Structures are given as structure tokens and as C-alpha cells.
Protein backbone atom coordinates (compact mmCIF):
# COMPACT_ATOMS: atom_id res chain seq x y z
CA UNK A 1 143.10 116.52 128.59
CA UNK A 2 141.52 119.12 126.35
CA UNK A 3 143.56 117.98 123.34
CA UNK A 4 142.48 114.34 123.88
CA UNK A 5 138.78 115.26 123.91
CA UNK A 6 139.27 117.52 120.90
CA UNK A 7 141.06 114.73 119.01
CA UNK A 8 138.28 112.30 119.91
CA UNK A 9 135.63 114.67 118.52
CA UNK A 10 137.62 115.10 115.31
CA UNK A 11 137.92 111.34 115.02
CA UNK A 12 134.15 110.90 115.38
CA UNK A 13 133.54 113.55 112.71
CA UNK A 14 136.03 111.84 110.39
CA UNK A 15 134.39 108.45 110.91
CA UNK A 16 130.96 109.91 110.08
CA UNK A 17 132.31 111.51 106.91
CA UNK A 18 133.83 108.20 105.80
CA UNK A 19 130.63 106.31 106.63
CA UNK A 20 128.43 108.67 104.61
CA UNK A 21 130.94 108.69 101.75
CA UNK A 22 130.87 104.90 101.56
CA UNK A 23 127.09 104.99 101.44
CA UNK A 24 127.19 107.45 98.52
CA UNK A 25 129.72 105.23 96.75
CA UNK A 26 127.40 102.22 97.08
CA UNK A 27 124.45 104.19 95.67
CA UNK A 28 126.59 105.44 92.78
CA UNK A 29 127.81 101.91 92.03
CA UNK A 30 124.20 100.69 91.87
CA UNK A 31 123.17 103.46 89.48
CA UNK A 32 126.22 102.74 87.30
CA UNK A 33 125.22 99.07 87.19
CA UNK A 34 121.72 100.07 86.06
CA UNK A 35 123.20 102.10 83.21
CA UNK A 36 125.38 99.14 82.23
CA UNK A 37 122.39 96.79 82.17
CA UNK A 38 120.35 99.32 80.15
CA UNK A 39 123.12 99.49 77.53
CA UNK A 40 123.27 95.69 77.50
CA UNK A 41 119.50 95.50 76.89
CA UNK A 42 119.70 97.90 73.95
CA UNK A 43 122.75 96.25 72.41
CA UNK A 44 121.36 92.74 72.83
CA UNK A 45 118.12 93.69 71.11
CA UNK A 46 120.03 95.39 68.32
CA UNK A 47 122.26 92.38 67.69
CA UNK A 48 119.93 89.46 68.43
CA UNK A 49 116.59 91.03 67.44
CA UNK A 50 113.59 89.17 68.93
CA UNK A 51 115.77 86.51 70.56
CA UNK A 52 117.62 89.20 72.50
CA UNK A 53 114.62 89.88 74.74
CA UNK A 54 115.08 86.65 76.71
CA UNK A 55 118.81 87.28 77.13
CA UNK A 56 118.16 90.82 78.32
CA UNK A 57 115.53 89.71 80.84
CA UNK A 58 117.88 87.09 82.30
CA UNK A 59 120.73 89.63 82.53
CA UNK A 60 118.48 92.06 84.39
CA UNK A 61 117.25 89.37 86.79
CA UNK A 62 120.80 88.25 87.54
CA UNK A 63 121.54 91.83 88.63
CA UNK A 64 118.44 92.10 90.83
CA UNK A 65 116.40 94.19 88.39
CA UNK A 66 113.05 93.67 86.68
CA UNK A 67 112.84 94.23 82.93
CA UNK A 68 109.47 94.68 81.24
CA UNK A 69 109.04 95.27 77.53
CA UNK A 70 106.09 97.48 76.67
CA UNK A 71 105.11 98.85 73.28
CA UNK A 72 106.48 97.49 70.05
CA UNK A 73 106.41 99.86 67.09
CA UNK A 74 107.94 99.52 63.67
CA UNK A 75 108.88 101.60 60.70
CA UNK A 76 110.00 100.46 57.28
CA UNK A 77 113.60 100.14 58.51
CA UNK A 78 113.49 99.50 62.28
CA UNK A 79 111.48 97.82 65.04
CA UNK A 80 111.38 99.64 68.40
CA UNK A 81 110.71 98.32 71.90
CA UNK A 82 110.02 100.50 74.89
CA UNK A 83 111.19 98.96 78.13
CA UNK A 84 111.13 99.67 81.85
CA UNK A 85 114.03 98.57 84.02
CA UNK A 86 113.03 98.64 87.71
CA UNK A 87 115.68 98.59 90.43
CA UNK A 88 115.99 99.34 94.14
CA UNK A 89 118.13 102.03 95.73
CA UNK A 90 118.99 101.26 99.34
CA UNK A 91 120.82 103.43 101.85
CA UNK A 92 120.98 102.55 105.51
CA UNK A 93 122.40 105.83 106.73
CA UNK A 94 119.87 108.01 104.90
CA UNK A 95 116.94 105.59 105.29
CA UNK A 96 116.37 105.33 101.56
CA UNK A 97 114.50 102.29 100.29
CA UNK A 98 113.15 103.31 96.92
CA UNK A 99 112.28 101.55 93.69
CA UNK A 100 113.23 103.52 90.60
CA UNK A 101 112.40 102.84 86.97
CA UNK A 102 114.67 103.48 84.03
CA UNK A 103 112.63 103.97 80.86
CA UNK A 104 114.44 103.16 77.64
CA UNK A 105 114.06 102.43 73.96
CA UNK A 106 115.70 99.56 72.10
CA UNK A 107 115.64 99.03 68.37
CA UNK A 108 116.84 96.64 65.71
CA UNK A 109 117.11 96.86 61.97
CA UNK A 110 114.44 94.94 60.12
CA UNK A 111 115.28 92.50 57.38
CA UNK A 112 114.79 93.74 53.84
CA UNK A 113 111.73 91.54 53.43
CA UNK A 114 109.92 92.98 56.47
């Protein structure tokens, strides 16, 4: 009887470990998706210039994120856009319901004429 109770306790501990591990995997997958969308935003702006902003905003929305472009600065060679990518991190087991913001910088090369 003692070995059955002991095995049951080990099984409960193992189930809890798996449950928490799956929760961490889901959080990590979400953060990885945010990084992917941030790279997409920067690459789309670089390739498509001004027209890339609309594509980037729609990509962020389709992934459940909010994209806001802030300051626009320019030099003789490049135009720069600061952006904020807001996303939610949810975890049922750790009671996390937080909105984070990824702050980034996108740029594109200006035409020779300005």
C-alpha cells in the first residue's frame, strides 16, 4: 500500500512539472512570435519604404499585436521610424496577464533626390 501512495504522489508531482513546463513553452512561443513580427516590421519598412507601414500594421494585427509608429527622423541617407509593438503575455498557472511593449527602430534608404 505504501508503494501505491508513493507512486501516486510522484505521479502528481510529474503532472505538475509537465503542466508548468507547457505554460513556459507557450509564453516562450509568444515572445518568439513577437520577435518575428518585429523583424518583419523592420524588413518591410526597409524594402517597401512608406508603403511598408500599412503592411506591417496588418501583420501585427493578424498576430494579435498593436503596432504604433512614433517619431520619424531622417538623415541625408536614411529615414528612421520608431515603433512600439504591444502584445499580451498570458499564463493561467502563474496568473500572468500583462501587456508588454517592444520598442524598435526601422529605417529605409532614401532616394538620391531626397
